[in-house]
C-alpha atoms as a PDB file:
ATOM      1  CA  MET A   1     139.326 205.011-153.727  1.00  0.00           C
ATOM      2  CA  SER A   2     142.050 207.325-155.538  1.00  0.00           C
ATOM      3  CA  LEU A   3     143.900 210.948-156.418  1.00  0.00           C
ATOM      4  CA  VAL A   4     141.728 212.052-159.524  1.00  0.00           C
ATOM      5  CA  VAL A   5     144.378 214.614-161.199  1.00  0.00           C
ATOM      6  CA  VAL A   6     142.444 216.998-163.787  1.00  0.00           C
ATOM      7  CA  GLY A   7     145.332 219.034-165.838  1.00  0.00           C
ATOM      8  CA  SER A   8     148.912 218.719-165.629  1.00  0.00           C
ATOM      9  CA  ALA A   9     152.465 220.888-165.826  1.00  0.00           C
ATOM     10  CA  PRO A  10     154.799 219.932-168.321  1.00  0.00           C
ATOM     11  CA  ARG A  11     157.685 219.857-165.563  1.00  0.00           C
ATOM     12  CA  LEU A  12     155.309 217.606-163.429  1.00  0.00           C
ATOM     13  CA  ASP A  13     155.274 214.399-162.407  1.00  0.00           C
ATOM     14  CA  VAL A  14     151.366 213.671-162.493  1.00  0.00           C
ATOM     15  CA  GLY A  15     152.099 209.981-161.732  1.00  0.00           C
ATOM     16  CA  ARG A  16     154.251 210.902-158.084  1.00  0.00           C
ATOM     17  CA  LEU A  17     151.082 213.394-157.307  1.00  0.00           C
ATOM     18  CA  ARG A  18     148.531 210.548-157.898  1.00  0.00           C
ATOM     19  CA  ARG A  19     150.405 208.019-156.011  1.00  0.00           C
ATOM     20  CA  CYS A  20     150.992 210.595-153.503  1.00  0.00           C
ATOM     21  CA  GLY A  21     147.140 211.120-153.801  1.00  0.00           C
ATOM     22  CA  ALA A  22     146.348 207.858-152.650  1.00  0.00           C
ATOM     23  CA  LEU A  23     149.076 207.376-149.982  1.00  0.00           C
ATOM     24  CA  LEU A  24     147.381 210.814-148.335  1.00  0.00           C
ATOM     25  CA  LEU A  25     144.109 209.227-148.503  1.00  0.00           C
ATOM     26  CA  ARG A  26     145.150 206.505-146.691  1.00  0.00           C
ATOM     27  CA  GLY A  27     146.661 208.782-144.111  1.00  0.00           C
ATOM     28  CA  LEU A  28     143.633 210.241-143.178  1.00  0.00           C
ATOM     29  CA  GLY A  29     141.435 207.418-143.473  1.00  0.00           C
ATOM     30  CA  ARG A  30     139.905 208.106-146.269  1.00  0.00           C
ATOM     31  CA  GLU A  31     141.488 205.590-148.835  1.00  0.00           C
ATOM     32  CA  ARG A  32     137.830 203.744-149.733  1.00  0.00           C
ATOM     33  CA  GLU A  33     137.298 207.900-151.148  1.00  0.00           C
ATOM     34  CA  GLU A  34     137.569 209.721-153.604  1.00  0.00           C
ATOM     35  CA  LEU A  35     139.172 213.623-154.460  1.00  0.00           C
ATOM     36  CA  THR A  36     139.934 215.777-157.486  1.00  0.00           C
ATOM     37  CA  LEU A  37     142.246 217.854-157.844  1.00  0.00           C
ATOM     38  CA  SER A  38     142.737 220.485-160.414  1.00  0.00           C
ATOM     39  CA  LEU A  39     145.976 222.148-162.015  1.00  0.00           C
ATOM     40  CA  VAL A  40     145.099 225.167-163.310  1.00  0.00           C
ATOM     41  CA  ASP A  41     147.199 228.973-164.651  1.00  0.00           C
ATOM     42  CA  ASP A  42     146.913 231.733-162.208  1.00  0.00           C
ATOM     43  CA  ALA A  43     143.956 233.348-164.535  1.00  0.00           C
ATOM     44  CA  ALA A  44     141.856 230.565-163.272  1.00  0.00           C
ATOM     45  CA  ILE A  45     142.213 230.261-159.961  1.00  0.00           C
ATOM     46  CA  ARG A  46     142.129 234.161-159.613  1.00  0.00           C
ATOM     47  CA  GLU A  47     138.172 233.162-160.895  1.00  0.00           C
ATOM     48  CA  LEU A  48     137.344 230.939-158.541  1.00  0.00           C
ATOM     49  CA  ASN A  49     139.240 232.716-155.837  1.00  0.00           C
ATOM     50  CA  ARG A  50     136.679 235.909-157.027  1.00  0.00           C
ATOM     51  CA  ASP A  51     133.726 234.084-157.316  1.00  0.00           C
ATOM     52  CA  TYR A  52     133.991 231.563-154.190  1.00  0.00           C
ATOM     53  CA  ARG A  53     135.458 233.780-151.641  1.00  0.00           C
ATOM     54  CA  GLY A  54     135.196 237.401-153.206  1.00  0.00           C
ATOM     55  CA  LYS A  55     138.516 237.705-153.375  1.00  0.00           C
ATOM     56  CA  ARG A  56     140.316 239.410-156.797  1.00  0.00           C
ATOM     57  CA  LEU A  57     143.606 237.407-156.784  1.00  0.00           C
ATOM     58  CA  ALA A  58     145.552 234.621-157.612  1.00  0.00           C
ATOM     59  CA  THR A  59     146.113 232.116-154.761  1.00  0.00           C
ATOM     60  CA  ASP A  60     147.756 228.749-154.411  1.00  0.00           C
ATOM     61  CA  VAL A  61     145.407 225.864-153.254  1.00  0.00           C
ATOM     62  CA  LEU A  62     141.566 226.488-152.860  1.00  0.00           C
ATOM     63  CA  SER A  63     139.250 223.579-151.284  1.00  0.00           C
ATOM     64  CA  PHE A  64     136.266 222.648-151.443  1.00  0.00           C
ATOM     65  CA  SER A  65     134.619 220.135-149.670  1.00  0.00           C
ATOM     66  CA  LEU A  66     131.665 217.608-150.296  1.00  0.00           C
ATOM     67  CA  LEU A  67     131.573 217.006-146.193  1.00  0.00           C
ATOM     68  CA  GLU A  68     129.979 219.860-145.154  1.00  0.00           C
ATOM     69  CA  GLY A  69     126.543 221.659-145.877  1.00  0.00           C
ATOM     70  CA  ASP A  70     123.088 219.551-147.336  1.00  0.00           C
ATOM     71  CA  HIS A  71     125.064 217.999-150.996  1.00  0.00           C
ATOM     72  CA  GLY A  72     127.067 215.809-148.555  1.00  0.00           C
ATOM     73  CA  LYS A  73     124.237 213.246-148.702  1.00  0.00           C
ATOM     74  CA  HIS A  74     124.576 213.239-152.106  1.00  0.00           C
ATOM     75  CA  ARG A  75     128.330 212.571-152.248  1.00  0.00           C
ATOM     76  CA  GLY A  76     128.745 209.037-152.634  1.00  0.00           C
ATOM     77  CA  GLY A  77     132.328 208.479-151.999  1.00  0.00           C
ATOM     78  CA  LEU A  78     133.518 211.912-153.468  1.00  0.00           C
ATOM     79  CA  LEU A  79     135.289 214.266-150.464  1.00  0.00           C
ATOM     80  CA  GLY A  80     135.432 216.832-152.459  1.00  0.00           C
ATOM     81  CA  ASP A  81     138.185 218.782-154.894  1.00  0.00           C
ATOM     82  CA  VAL A  82     141.226 220.721-154.496  1.00  0.00           C
ATOM     83  CA  VAL A  83     142.614 222.710-157.034  1.00  0.00           C
ATOM     84  CA  ILE A  84     146.004 224.439-156.773  1.00  0.00           C
ATOM     85  CA  SER A  85     147.720 227.395-159.303  1.00  0.00           C
ATOM     86  CA  VAL A  86     151.069 225.436-161.125  1.00  0.00           C
ATOM     87  CA  GLU A  87     151.449 229.505-162.221  1.00  0.00           C
ATOM     88  CA  THR A  88     151.694 230.722-158.043  1.00  0.00           C
ATOM     89  CA  ALA A  89     153.432 226.944-157.026  1.00  0.00           C
ATOM     90  CA  ALA A  90     156.265 227.450-159.224  1.00  0.00           C
ATOM     91  CA  ARG A  91     156.765 230.964-158.133  1.00  0.00           C
ATOM     92  CA  GLN A  92     156.861 229.967-154.712  1.00  0.00           C
ATOM     93  CA  ALA A  93     159.002 226.442-155.860  1.00  0.00           C
ATOM     94  CA  ARG A  94     161.541 229.240-156.767  1.00  0.00           C
ATOM     95  CA  GLU A  95     161.655 231.465-153.885  1.00  0.00           C
ATOM     96  CA  ARG A  96     161.695 228.605-151.649  1.00  0.00           C
ATOM     97  CA  HIS A  97     164.224 226.619-153.257  1.00  0.00           C
ATOM     98  CA  ARG A  98     162.098 223.586-153.887  1.00  0.00           C
ATOM     99  CA  SER A  99     160.982 221.534-156.584  1.00  0.00           C
ATOM    100  CA  LEU A 100     157.846 222.165-158.475  1.00  0.00           C
ATOM    101  CA  ASP A 101     156.771 218.323-157.611  1.00  0.00           C
ATOM    102  CA  GLU A 102     157.490 218.965-153.915  1.00  0.00           C
ATOM    103  CA  THR A 103     155.679 222.186-153.314  1.00  0.00           C
ATOM    104  CA  VAL A 104     152.387 220.814-154.852  1.00  0.00           C
ATOM    105  CA  ILE A 105     152.577 217.683-152.893  1.00  0.00           C
ATOM    106  CA  ARG A 106     152.604 220.355-150.108  1.00  0.00           C
ATOM    107  CA  LEU A 107     149.445 222.202-151.749  1.00  0.00           C
ATOM    108  CA  LEU A 108     148.116 219.286-151.773  1.00  0.00           C
ATOM    109  CA  ILE A 109     148.372 218.269-148.358  1.00  0.00           C
ATOM    110  CA  HIS A 110     147.627 221.900-147.204  1.00  0.00           C
ATOM    111  CA  GLY A 111     144.223 221.352-149.609  1.00  0.00           C
ATOM    112  CA  MET A 112     143.181 217.704-148.679  1.00  0.00           C
ATOM    113  CA  LEU A 113     143.148 218.806-144.592  1.00  0.00           C
ATOM    114  CA  HIS A 114     140.602 221.666-145.488  1.00  0.00           C
ATOM    115  CA  VAL A 115     138.168 219.540-147.240  1.00  0.00           C
ATOM    116  CA  VAL A 116     138.433 216.882-144.422  1.00  0.00           C
ATOM    117  CA  GLY A 117     137.671 219.778-141.900  1.00  0.00           C
ATOM    118  CA  HIS A 118     140.706 221.378-140.700  1.00  0.00           C
ATOM    119  CA  ASP A 119     141.515 225.078-141.126  1.00  0.00           C
ATOM    120  CA  HIS A 120     143.663 228.326-139.123  1.00  0.00           C
ATOM    121  CA  GLU A 121     142.142 230.844-138.694  1.00  0.00           C
ATOM    122  CA  GLN A 122     142.702 230.773-134.671  1.00  0.00           C
ATOM    123  CA  LEU A 123     145.940 229.604-133.186  1.00  0.00           C
ATOM    124  CA  GLU A 124     145.359 226.584-132.204  1.00  0.00           C
ATOM    125  CA  GLU A 125     143.432 224.875-135.420  1.00  0.00           C
ATOM    126  CA  ALA A 126     146.852 226.702-137.164  1.00  0.00           C
ATOM    127  CA  ARG A 127     148.584 224.823-134.813  1.00  0.00           C
ATOM    128  CA  ALA A 128     146.880 221.386-135.186  1.00  0.00           C
ATOM    129  CA  MET A 129     146.734 221.685-138.595  1.00  0.00           C
ATOM    130  CA  ARG A 130     150.477 222.502-138.937  1.00  0.00           C
ATOM    131  CA  SER A 131     150.763 219.316-137.257  1.00  0.00           C
ATOM    132  CA  GLU A 132     148.826 217.119-139.329  1.00  0.00           C
ATOM    133  CA  GLU A 133     150.518 218.606-142.595  1.00  0.00           C
ATOM    134  CA  ARG A 134     154.560 217.201-141.167  1.00  0.00           C
ATOM    135  CA  ARG A 135     152.970 214.159-140.258  1.00  0.00           C
ATOM    136  CA  LEU A 136     151.351 213.828-143.702  1.00  0.00           C
ATOM    137  CA  TRP A 137     154.476 214.857-145.055  1.00  0.00           C
ATOM    138  CA  ARG A 138     156.590 212.169-143.712  1.00  0.00           C
ATOM    139  CA  ILE A 139     154.442 209.653-145.257  1.00  0.00           C
ATOM    140  CA  VAL A 140     154.969 211.001-149.126  1.00  0.00           C
ATOM    141  CA  ARG A 141     158.672 212.427-148.786  1.00  0.00           C
ATOM    142  CA  PRO A 142     160.779 211.054-150.536  1.00  0.00           C
END
Protein backbone atom coordinates (compact mmCIF):
# COMPACT_ATOMS: atom_id res chain seq x y z
CA MET A 1 0.00 0.00 0.00
CA SER A 2 1.55 3.30 1.00
CA LEU A 3 2.74 5.87 3.44
CA VAL A 4 0.07 8.46 4.23
CA VAL A 5 1.66 11.79 5.20
CA VAL A 6 -0.31 14.18 7.39
CA GLY A 7 1.12 17.69 7.68
CA SER A 8 4.01 19.35 5.92
CA ALA A 9 6.97 21.63 6.42
CA PRO A 10 8.13 24.38 4.05
CA ARG A 11 11.60 22.91 3.53
CA LEU A 12 10.58 19.26 3.44
CA ASP A 13 10.08 17.29 0.21
CA VAL A 14 6.88 15.44 1.11
CA GLY A 15 6.77 13.70 -2.28
CA ARG A 16 10.21 12.22 -1.66
CA LEU A 17 9.10 11.22 1.82
CA ARG A 18 6.13 9.32 0.37
CA ARG A 19 8.36 7.57 -2.18
CA CYS A 20 10.84 6.62 0.53
CA GLY A 21 8.01 5.36 2.70
CA ALA A 22 6.84 3.05 -0.07
CA LEU A 23 10.40 1.74 -0.57
CA LEU A 24 10.78 1.21 3.17
CA LEU A 25 7.51 -0.68 3.42
CA ARG A 26 8.71 -2.91 0.58
CA GLY A 27 12.07 -3.33 2.32
CA LEU A 28 10.24 -4.49 5.43
CA GLY A 29 8.13 -6.94 3.43
CA ARG A 30 5.06 -4.83 4.22
CA GLU A 31 4.33 -3.36 0.77
CA ARG A 32 0.66 -4.39 0.96
CA GLU A 33 0.17 -2.47 4.19
CA GLU A 34 -0.16 1.18 5.12
CA LEU A 35 1.49 3.46 7.62
CA THR A 36 0.50 6.97 8.64
CA LEU A 37 3.20 9.60 9.15
CA SER A 38 2.26 12.78 10.99
CA LEU A 39 4.59 15.76 10.73
CA VAL A 40 4.06 17.96 13.77
CA ASP A 41 5.71 20.69 15.84
CA ASP A 42 7.35 20.34 19.24
CA ALA A 43 4.20 21.35 21.13
CA ALA A 44 2.15 18.56 19.52
CA ILE A 45 4.75 15.85 20.06
CA ARG A 46 5.33 17.03 23.63
CA GLU A 47 1.61 16.55 24.30
CA LEU A 48 1.64 13.05 22.76
CA ASN A 49 4.79 12.13 24.68
CA ARG A 50 3.14 13.28 27.90
CA ASP A 51 -0.15 11.50 27.22
CA TYR A 52 1.28 8.18 26.01
CA ARG A 53 4.68 7.90 27.68
CA GLY A 54 4.35 10.11 30.76
CA LYS A 55 7.28 12.29 29.64
CA ARG A 56 6.84 16.06 29.59
CA LEU A 57 9.29 16.87 26.81
CA ALA A 58 9.43 17.10 23.06
CA THR A 59 11.04 14.15 21.32
CA ASP A 60 11.99 13.56 17.71
CA VAL A 61 9.81 10.56 16.84
CA LEU A 62 7.00 8.53 18.39
CA SER A 63 5.58 5.26 17.09
CA PHE A 64 2.18 3.74 17.65
CA SER A 65 1.94 0.15 16.45
CA LEU A 66 -1.32 -1.56 15.61
CA LEU A 67 0.44 -4.94 15.47
CA GLU A 68 0.34 -5.31 19.24
CA GLY A 69 -2.51 -5.64 21.69
CA ASP A 70 -6.20 -6.40 21.34
CA HIS A 71 -6.77 -3.89 18.56
CA GLY A 72 -4.44 -5.80 16.22
CA LYS A 73 -7.21 -8.05 14.96
CA HIS A 74 -9.14 -5.00 13.73
CA ARG A 75 -6.32 -3.15 12.00
CA GLY A 76 -6.90 -4.32 8.44
CA GLY A 77 -3.87 -3.27 6.40
CA LEU A 78 -2.84 -0.43 8.71
CA LEU A 79 0.46 -0.98 10.53
CA GLY A 80 0.27 2.05 12.76
CA ASP A 81 1.42 5.64 13.05
CA VAL A 82 4.74 7.41 13.16
CA VAL A 83 4.82 10.99 14.44
CA ILE A 84 7.86 13.18 13.76
CA SER A 85 8.52 16.62 15.20
CA VAL A 86 9.82 18.66 12.29
CA GLU A 87 11.10 21.29 14.74
CA THR A 88 13.27 18.75 16.57
CA ALA A 89 14.33 17.17 13.27
CA ALA A 90 15.44 20.59 11.99
CA ARG A 91 17.58 21.14 15.09
CA GLN A 92 19.12 17.68 14.71
CA ALA A 93 19.79 18.31 11.02
CA ARG A 94 21.66 21.53 11.82
CA GLU A 95 23.65 19.88 14.64
CA ARG A 96 24.62 16.92 12.46
CA HIS A 97 25.19 18.93 9.28
CA ARG A 98 22.54 16.96 7.40
CA SER A 99 19.59 18.04 5.34
CA LEU A 100 16.14 18.15 6.91
CA ASP A 101 14.93 15.56 4.37
CA GLU A 102 17.69 13.10 5.35
CA THR A 103 17.04 13.60 9.05
CA VAL A 104 13.29 13.06 8.70
CA ILE A 105 13.83 9.94 6.58
CA ARG A 106 16.19 8.53 9.22
CA LEU A 107 13.57 9.24 11.89
CA LEU A 108 10.92 7.61 9.71
CA ILE A 109 13.08 4.49 9.45
CA HIS A 110 13.55 4.44 13.21
CA GLY A 111 9.85 4.92 13.84
CA MET A 112 8.82 2.29 11.31
CA LEU A 113 11.10 -0.25 12.95
CA HIS A 114 9.41 0.41 16.28
CA VAL A 115 6.01 -0.06 14.62
CA VAL A 116 6.99 -3.51 13.36
CA GLY A 117 8.38 -4.60 16.72
CA HIS A 118 12.01 -3.53 17.00
CA ASP A 119 13.30 -1.97 20.19
CA HIS A 120 16.59 -0.71 21.62
CA GLU A 121 16.16 -1.17 25.36
CA GLN A 122 18.64 -4.07 25.58
CA LEU A 123 22.09 -4.10 23.98
CA GLU A 124 21.37 -6.96 21.56
CA GLU A 125 18.04 -5.40 20.54
CA ALA A 126 19.79 -2.08 19.96
CA ARG A 127 22.43 -3.72 17.78
CA ALA A 128 19.82 -5.53 15.71
CA MET A 129 17.76 -2.38 15.30
CA ARG A 130 20.78 -0.31 14.29
CA SER A 131 21.73 -2.93 11.72
CA GLU A 132 18.22 -2.84 10.29
CA GLU A 133 18.30 0.98 10.23
CA ARG A 134 21.48 0.85 8.14
CA ARG A 135 19.99 -1.73 5.77
CA LEU A 136 16.86 0.36 5.23
CA TRP A 137 18.87 3.57 4.80
CA ARG A 138 20.80 1.91 1.96
CA ILE A 139 17.45 1.28 0.22
CA VAL A 140 16.42 4.94 0.22
CA ARG A 141 19.58 7.03 0.31
CA PRO A 142 20.10 9.24 -2.73
